[in-house]
């Protein structure tokens, strides 16, 4: 797992308003991971989901369950 990469990405996100907007408008953890990978961070959507509940500075990662979502 790449929790250290997720932490670095979240710290970067807090100081970059454009990145924050991209992340908050993303629909899935995979979308967020693709944004991170495009910036050189090595983590997957699954890694991000496993990070659920963790806090980095002012950001807490939360998995949102949408009605009608299948598992």
PDB file of N, CA and C in Angstrom:
ATOM      1  N   UNK A   1       0.832  -1.188   0.000  1.00  0.00           N
ATOM      2  CA  UNK A   1       0.000   0.000   0.000  1.00  0.00           C
ATOM      3  C   UNK A   1       0.872   1.245   0.000  1.00  0.00           C
ATOM      4  N   UNK A   2       0.315   2.290  -0.496  1.00  0.00           N
ATOM      5  CA  UNK A   2       1.072   3.524  -0.695  1.00  0.00           C
ATOM      6  C   UNK A   2       0.554   4.664   0.177  1.00  0.00           C
ATOM      7  N   UNK A   3       0.385   4.389   1.451  1.00  0.00           N
ATOM      8  CA  UNK A   3      -0.164   5.421   2.329  1.00  0.00           C
ATOM      9  C   UNK A   3       0.730   6.653   2.397  1.00  0.00           C
ATOM     10  N   UNK A   4       2.045   6.468   2.335  1.00  0.00           N
ATOM     11  CA  UNK A   4       2.934   7.638   2.378  1.00  0.00           C
ATOM     12  C   UNK A   4       2.730   8.506   1.141  1.00  0.00           C
ATOM     13  N   UNK A   5       2.468   7.879  -0.005  1.00  0.00           N
ATOM     14  CA  UNK A   5       2.200   8.635  -1.227  1.00  0.00           C
ATOM     15  C   UNK A   5       0.872   9.390  -1.123  1.00  0.00           C
ATOM     16  N   UNK A   6      -0.120   8.753  -0.519  1.00  0.00           N
ATOM     17  CA  UNK A   6      -1.416   9.420  -0.327  1.00  0.00           C
ATOM     18  C   UNK A   6      -1.236  10.626   0.588  1.00  0.00           C
ATOM     19  N   UNK A   7      -0.483  10.458   1.655  1.00  0.00           N
ATOM     20  CA  UNK A   7      -0.242  11.577   2.576  1.00  0.00           C
ATOM     21  C   UNK A   7       0.427  12.747   1.856  1.00  0.00           C
ATOM     22  N   UNK A   8       1.452  12.450   1.052  1.00  0.00           N
ATOM     23  CA  UNK A   8       2.143  13.510   0.298  1.00  0.00           C
ATOM     24  C   UNK A   8       1.181  14.211  -0.657  1.00  0.00           C
ATOM     25  N   UNK A   9       0.348  13.430  -1.339  1.00  0.00           N
ATOM     26  CA  UNK A   9      -0.623  13.987  -2.277  1.00  0.00           C
ATOM     27  C   UNK A   9      -1.617  14.898  -1.556  1.00  0.00           C
ATOM     28  N   UNK A  10      -2.114  14.463  -0.405  1.00  0.00           N
ATOM     29  CA  UNK A  10      -3.088  15.269   0.338  1.00  0.00           C
ATOM     30  C   UNK A  10      -2.476  16.559   0.874  1.00  0.00           C
ATOM     31  N   UNK A  11      -1.220  16.507   1.268  1.00  0.00           N
ATOM     32  CA  UNK A  11      -0.527  17.724   1.714  1.00  0.00           C
ATOM     33  C   UNK A  11      -0.392  18.696   0.549  1.00  0.00           C
ATOM     34  N   UNK A  12      -0.018  18.179  -0.624  1.00  0.00           N
ATOM     35  CA  UNK A  12       0.083  19.018  -1.827  1.00  0.00           C
ATOM     36  C   UNK A  12      -1.281  19.617  -2.172  1.00  0.00           C
ATOM     37  N   UNK A  13      -2.324  18.808  -2.082  1.00  0.00           N
ATOM     38  CA  UNK A  13      -3.671  19.250  -2.427  1.00  0.00           C
ATOM     39  C   UNK A  13      -4.125  20.433  -1.558  1.00  0.00           C
ATOM     40  N   UNK A  14      -3.732  20.428  -0.300  1.00  0.00           N
ATOM     41  CA  UNK A  14      -4.161  21.484   0.609  1.00  0.00           C
ATOM     42  C   UNK A  14      -3.581  22.845   0.251  1.00  0.00           C
ATOM     43  N   UNK A  15      -2.463  22.862  -0.459  1.00  0.00           N
ATOM     44  CA  UNK A  15      -1.835  24.129  -0.813  1.00  0.00           C
ATOM     45  C   UNK A  15      -2.060  24.516  -2.279  1.00  0.00           C
ATOM     46  N   UNK A  16      -2.862  23.710  -2.998  1.00  0.00           N
ATOM     47  CA  UNK A  16      -3.099  23.959  -4.417  1.00  0.00           C
ATOM     48  C   UNK A  16      -4.612  23.962  -4.666  1.00  0.00           C
ATOM     49  N   UNK A  17      -5.186  25.148  -4.795  1.00  0.00           N
ATOM     50  CA  UNK A  17      -6.640  25.283  -4.942  1.00  0.00           C
ATOM     51  C   UNK A  17      -7.173  24.586  -6.192  1.00  0.00           C
ATOM     52  N   UNK A  18      -6.442  24.654  -7.299  1.00  0.00           N
ATOM     53  CA  UNK A  18      -6.897  23.995  -8.524  1.00  0.00           C
ATOM     54  C   UNK A  18      -6.947  22.482  -8.344  1.00  0.00           C
ATOM     55  N   UNK A  19      -5.930  21.931  -7.697  1.00  0.00           N
ATOM     56  CA  UNK A  19      -5.894  20.503  -7.429  1.00  0.00           C
ATOM     57  C   UNK A  19      -7.031  20.118  -6.484  1.00  0.00           C
ATOM     58  N   UNK A  20      -7.247  20.917  -5.457  1.00  0.00           N
ATOM     59  CA  UNK A  20      -8.324  20.648  -4.505  1.00  0.00           C
ATOM     60  C   UNK A  20      -9.669  20.605  -5.228  1.00  0.00           C
ATOM     61  N   UNK A  21      -9.890  21.537  -6.151  1.00  0.00           N
ATOM     62  CA  UNK A  21     -11.134  21.574  -6.914  1.00  0.00           C
ATOM     63  C   UNK A  21     -11.285  20.310  -7.765  1.00  0.00           C
ATOM     64  N   UNK A  22     -10.202  19.893  -8.409  1.00  0.00           N
ATOM     65  CA  UNK A  22     -10.231  18.664  -9.219  1.00  0.00           C
ATOM     66  C   UNK A  22     -10.603  17.448  -8.368  1.00  0.00           C
ATOM     67  N   UNK A  23      -9.975  17.350  -7.218  1.00  0.00           N
ATOM     68  CA  UNK A  23     -10.202  16.198  -6.346  1.00  0.00           C
ATOM     69  C   UNK A  23     -11.630  16.205  -5.803  1.00  0.00           C
ATOM     70  N   UNK A  24     -12.098  17.345  -5.335  1.00  0.00           N
ATOM     71  CA  UNK A  24     -13.433  17.391  -4.740  1.00  0.00           C
ATOM     72  C   UNK A  24     -14.541  17.222  -5.775  1.00  0.00           C
ATOM     73  N   UNK A  25     -14.229  17.454  -7.037  1.00  0.00           N
ATOM     74  CA  UNK A  25     -15.240  17.244  -8.070  1.00  0.00           C
ATOM     75  C   UNK A  25     -15.152  15.850  -8.700  1.00  0.00           C
ATOM     76  N   UNK A  26     -14.216  15.041  -8.253  1.00  0.00           N
ATOM     77  CA  UNK A  26     -14.062  13.680  -8.775  1.00  0.00           C
ATOM     78  C   UNK A  26     -15.157  12.774  -8.232  1.00  0.00           C
ATOM     79  N   UNK A  27     -15.543  11.800  -9.047  1.00  0.00           N
ATOM     80  CA  UNK A  27     -16.634  10.900  -8.669  1.00  0.00           C
ATOM     81  C   UNK A  27     -16.180   9.656  -7.924  1.00  0.00           C
ATOM     82  N   UNK A  28     -14.972   9.178  -8.224  1.00  0.00           N
ATOM     83  CA  UNK A  28     -14.532   7.912  -7.636  1.00  0.00           C
ATOM     84  C   UNK A  28     -13.103   8.017  -7.105  1.00  0.00           C
ATOM     85  N   UNK A  29     -12.759   7.055  -6.270  1.00  0.00           N
ATOM     86  CA  UNK A  29     -11.390   6.972  -5.757  1.00  0.00           C
ATOM     87  C   UNK A  29     -10.408   6.736  -6.899  1.00  0.00           C
ATOM     88  N   UNK A  30     -10.832   5.983  -7.906  1.00  0.00           N
ATOM     89  CA  UNK A  30      -9.959   5.756  -9.063  1.00  0.00           C
ATOM     90  C   UNK A  30      -9.683   7.061  -9.803  1.00  0.00           C
ATOM     91  N   UNK A  31     -10.692   7.933  -9.898  1.00  0.00           N
ATOM     92  CA  UNK A  31     -10.492   9.243 -10.531  1.00  0.00           C
ATOM     93  C   UNK A  31      -9.442  10.056  -9.774  1.00  0.00           C
ATOM     94  N   UNK A  32      -9.535  10.044  -8.459  1.00  0.00           N
ATOM     95  CA  UNK A  32      -8.572  10.778  -7.629  1.00  0.00           C
ATOM     96  C   UNK A  32      -7.184  10.177  -7.795  1.00  0.00           C
ATOM     97  N   UNK A  33      -7.104   8.851  -7.810  1.00  0.00           N
ATOM     98  CA  UNK A  33      -5.809   8.190  -7.986  1.00  0.00           C
ATOM     99  C   UNK A  33      -5.184   8.548  -9.333  1.00  0.00           C
ATOM    100  N   UNK A  34      -5.984   8.631 -10.378  1.00  0.00           N
ATOM    101  CA  UNK A  34      -5.462   9.013 -11.694  1.00  0.00           C
ATOM    102  C   UNK A  34      -4.908  10.438 -11.680  1.00  0.00           C
ATOM    103  N   UNK A  35      -5.569  11.327 -10.958  1.00  0.00           N
ATOM    104  CA  UNK A  35      -5.060  12.693 -10.819  1.00  0.00           C
ATOM    105  C   UNK A  35      -3.702  12.645 -10.113  1.00  0.00           C
ATOM    106  N   UNK A  36      -3.638  11.895  -9.017  1.00  0.00           N
ATOM    107  CA  UNK A  36      -2.385  11.762  -8.279  1.00  0.00           C
ATOM    108  C   UNK A  36      -1.287  11.147  -9.113  1.00  0.00           C
ATOM    109  N   UNK A  37      -1.613  10.108  -9.856  1.00  0.00           N
ATOM    110  CA  UNK A  37      -0.617   9.448 -10.692  1.00  0.00           C
ATOM    111  C   UNK A  37      -0.098  10.396 -11.766  1.00  0.00           C
ATOM    112  N   UNK A  38      -0.982  11.243 -12.297  1.00  0.00           N
ATOM    113  CA  UNK A  38      -0.569  12.217 -13.293  1.00  0.00           C
ATOM    114  C   UNK A  38       0.426  13.233 -12.742  1.00  0.00           C
ATOM    115  N   UNK A  39       0.424  13.383 -11.427  1.00  0.00           N
ATOM    116  CA  UNK A  39       1.352  14.309 -10.771  1.00  0.00           C
ATOM    117  C   UNK A  39       2.560  13.590 -10.171  1.00  0.00           C
ATOM    118  N   UNK A  40       2.652  12.277 -10.417  1.00  0.00           N
ATOM    119  CA  UNK A  40       3.820  11.527  -9.961  1.00  0.00           C
ATOM    120  C   UNK A  40       3.652  10.791  -8.647  1.00  0.00           C
ATOM    121  N   UNK A  41       2.439  10.755  -8.092  1.00  0.00           N
ATOM    122  CA  UNK A  41       2.193  10.033  -6.843  1.00  0.00           C
ATOM    123  C   UNK A  41       1.764   8.612  -7.176  1.00  0.00           C
ATOM    124  N   UNK A  42       2.266   7.653  -6.429  1.00  0.00           N
ATOM    125  CA  UNK A  42       2.032   6.247  -6.731  1.00  0.00           C
ATOM    126  C   UNK A  42       1.059   5.627  -5.738  1.00  0.00           C
ATOM    127  N   UNK A  43      -0.245   5.728  -6.043  1.00  0.00           N
ATOM    128  CA  UNK A  43      -1.271   5.051  -5.261  1.00  0.00           C
ATOM    129  C   UNK A  43      -2.455   4.761  -6.163  1.00  0.00           C
ATOM    130  N   UNK A  44      -3.255   3.788  -5.762  1.00  0.00           N
ATOM    131  CA  UNK A  44      -4.416   3.382  -6.549  1.00  0.00           C
ATOM    132  C   UNK A  44      -5.703   3.822  -5.852  1.00  0.00           C
ATOM    133  N   UNK A  45      -6.796   3.670  -6.556  1.00  0.00           N
ATOM    134  CA  UNK A  45      -8.092   3.948  -5.956  1.00  0.00           C
ATOM    135  C   UNK A  45      -8.358   3.030  -4.777  1.00  0.00           C
ATOM    136  N   UNK A  46      -7.952   1.756  -4.904  1.00  0.00           N
ATOM    137  CA  UNK A  46      -8.113   0.812  -3.791  1.00  0.00           C
ATOM    138  C   UNK A  46      -7.300   1.242  -2.580  1.00  0.00           C
ATOM    139  N   UNK A  47      -6.083   1.735  -2.809  1.00  0.00           N
ATOM    140  CA  UNK A  47      -5.263   2.245  -1.704  1.00  0.00           C
ATOM    141  C   UNK A  47      -5.991   3.390  -1.008  1.00  0.00           C
ATOM    142  N   UNK A  48      -6.565   4.270  -1.805  1.00  0.00           N
ATOM    143  CA  UNK A  48      -7.273   5.422  -1.250  1.00  0.00           C
ATOM    144  C   UNK A  48      -8.481   4.975  -0.432  1.00  0.00           C
ATOM    145  N   UNK A  49      -9.215   3.979  -0.905  1.00  0.00           N
ATOM    146  CA  UNK A  49     -10.357   3.459  -0.144  1.00  0.00           C
ATOM    147  C   UNK A  49      -9.905   2.828   1.170  1.00  0.00           C
ATOM    148  N   UNK A  50      -8.752   2.176   1.164  1.00  0.00           N
ATOM    149  CA  UNK A  50      -8.221   1.589   2.408  1.00  0.00           C
ATOM    150  C   UNK A  50      -7.760   2.665   3.389  1.00  0.00           C
ATOM    151  N   UNK A  51      -7.520   3.851   2.882  1.00  0.00           N
ATOM    152  CA  UNK A  51      -7.090   4.990   3.698  1.00  0.00           C
ATOM    153  C   UNK A  51      -8.287   5.661   4.382  1.00  0.00           C
ATOM    154  N   UNK A  52      -9.484   5.165   4.134  1.00  0.00           N
ATOM    155  CA  UNK A  52     -10.722   5.719   4.671  1.00  0.00           C
ATOM    156  C   UNK A  52     -10.623   5.966   6.179  1.00  0.00           C
ATOM    157  N   UNK A  53     -11.022   7.162   6.584  1.00  0.00           N
ATOM    158  CA  UNK A  53     -11.025   7.522   7.993  1.00  0.00           C
ATOM    159  C   UNK A  53      -9.737   8.152   8.482  1.00  0.00           C
ATOM    160  N   UNK A  54      -8.692   8.097   7.682  1.00  0.00           N
ATOM    161  CA  UNK A  54      -7.398   8.676   8.072  1.00  0.00           C
ATOM    162  C   UNK A  54      -7.407  10.188   7.857  1.00  0.00           C
ATOM    163  N   UNK A  55      -6.712  10.891   8.714  1.00  0.00           N
ATOM    164  CA  UNK A  55      -6.639  12.345   8.629  1.00  0.00           C
ATOM    165  C   UNK A  55      -5.203  12.775   8.347  1.00  0.00           C
ATOM    166  N   UNK A  56      -5.059  13.715   7.420  1.00  0.00           N
ATOM    167  CA  UNK A  56      -3.766  14.310   7.107  1.00  0.00           C
ATOM    168  C   UNK A  56      -3.960  15.812   7.188  1.00  0.00           C
ATOM    169  N   UNK A  57      -3.381  16.421   8.214  1.00  0.00           N
ATOM    170  CA  UNK A  57      -3.527  17.849   8.452  1.00  0.00           C
ATOM    171  C   UNK A  57      -5.006  18.197   8.537  1.00  0.00           C
ATOM    172  N   UNK A  58      -5.555  18.938   7.579  1.00  0.00           N
ATOM    173  CA  UNK A  58      -6.961  19.362   7.638  1.00  0.00           C
ATOM    174  C   UNK A  58      -7.900  18.467   6.829  1.00  0.00           C
ATOM    175  N   UNK A  59      -7.367  17.432   6.205  1.00  0.00           N
ATOM    176  CA  UNK A  59      -8.169  16.587   5.322  1.00  0.00           C
ATOM    177  C   UNK A  59      -8.387  15.217   5.952  1.00  0.00           C
ATOM    178  N   UNK A  60      -9.646  14.784   5.971  1.00  0.00           N
ATOM    179  CA  UNK A  60      -9.978  13.431   6.383  1.00  0.00           C
ATOM    180  C   UNK A  60     -10.561  12.716   5.175  1.00  0.00           C
ATOM    181  N   UNK A  61     -10.023  11.557   4.867  1.00  0.00           N
ATOM    182  CA  UNK A  61     -10.506  10.777   3.726  1.00  0.00           C
ATOM    183  C   UNK A  61     -11.735   9.996   4.165  1.00  0.00           C
ATOM    184  N   UNK A  62     -12.814  10.148   3.407  1.00  0.00           N
ATOM    185  CA  UNK A  62     -14.062   9.452   3.707  1.00  0.00           C
ATOM    186  C   UNK A  62     -14.607   8.803   2.452  1.00  0.00           C
ATOM    187  N   UNK A  63     -14.958   7.543   2.570  1.00  0.00           N
ATOM    188  CA  UNK A  63     -15.628   6.840   1.473  1.00  0.00           C
ATOM    189  C   UNK A  63     -17.102   7.191   1.559  1.00  0.00           C
ATOM    190  N   UNK A  64     -17.660   7.612   0.442  1.00  0.00           N
ATOM    191  CA  UNK A  64     -19.068   7.964   0.387  1.00  0.00           C
ATOM    192  C   UNK A  64     -19.812   6.852  -0.336  1.00  0.00           C
ATOM    193  N   UNK A  65     -20.796   6.271   0.349  1.00  0.00           N
ATOM    194  CA  UNK A  65     -21.630   5.255  -0.288  1.00  0.00           C
ATOM    195  C   UNK A  65     -22.816   5.947  -0.928  1.00  0.00           C
ATOM    196  N   UNK A  66     -22.974   5.705  -2.207  1.00  0.00           N
ATOM    197  CA  UNK A  66     -24.076   6.315  -2.942  1.00  0.00           C
ATOM    198  C   UNK A  66     -25.233   5.328  -3.023  1.00  0.00           C
ATOM    199  N   UNK A  67     -26.474   5.811  -2.895  1.00  0.00           N
ATOM    200  CA  UNK A  67     -27.624   4.918  -3.041  1.00  0.00           C
ATOM    201  C   UNK A  67     -27.580   4.228  -4.406  1.00  0.00           C
ATOM    202  N   UNK A  68     -27.894   2.951  -4.408  1.00  0.00           N
ATOM    203  CA  UNK A  68     -27.890   2.194  -5.659  1.00  0.00           C
ATOM    204  C   UNK A  68     -26.535   1.663  -6.045  1.00  0.00           C
ATOM    205  N   UNK A  69     -25.538   1.898  -5.202  1.00  0.00           N
ATOM    206  CA  UNK A  69     -24.186   1.409  -5.486  1.00  0.00           C
ATOM    207  C   UNK A  69     -24.124  -0.083  -5.191  1.00  0.00           C
ATOM    208  N   UNK A  70     -23.518  -0.828  -6.090  1.00  0.00           N
ATOM    209  CA  UNK A  70     -23.393  -2.282  -5.909  1.00  0.00           C
ATOM    210  C   UNK A  70     -21.976  -2.638  -5.519  1.00  0.00           C
ATOM    211  N   UNK A  71     -21.858  -3.654  -4.673  1.00  0.00           N
ATOM    212  CA  UNK A  71     -20.546  -4.106  -4.231  1.00  0.00           C
ATOM    213  C   UNK A  71     -20.331  -5.531  -4.641  1.00  0.00           C
TER     214      UNK A  71
END
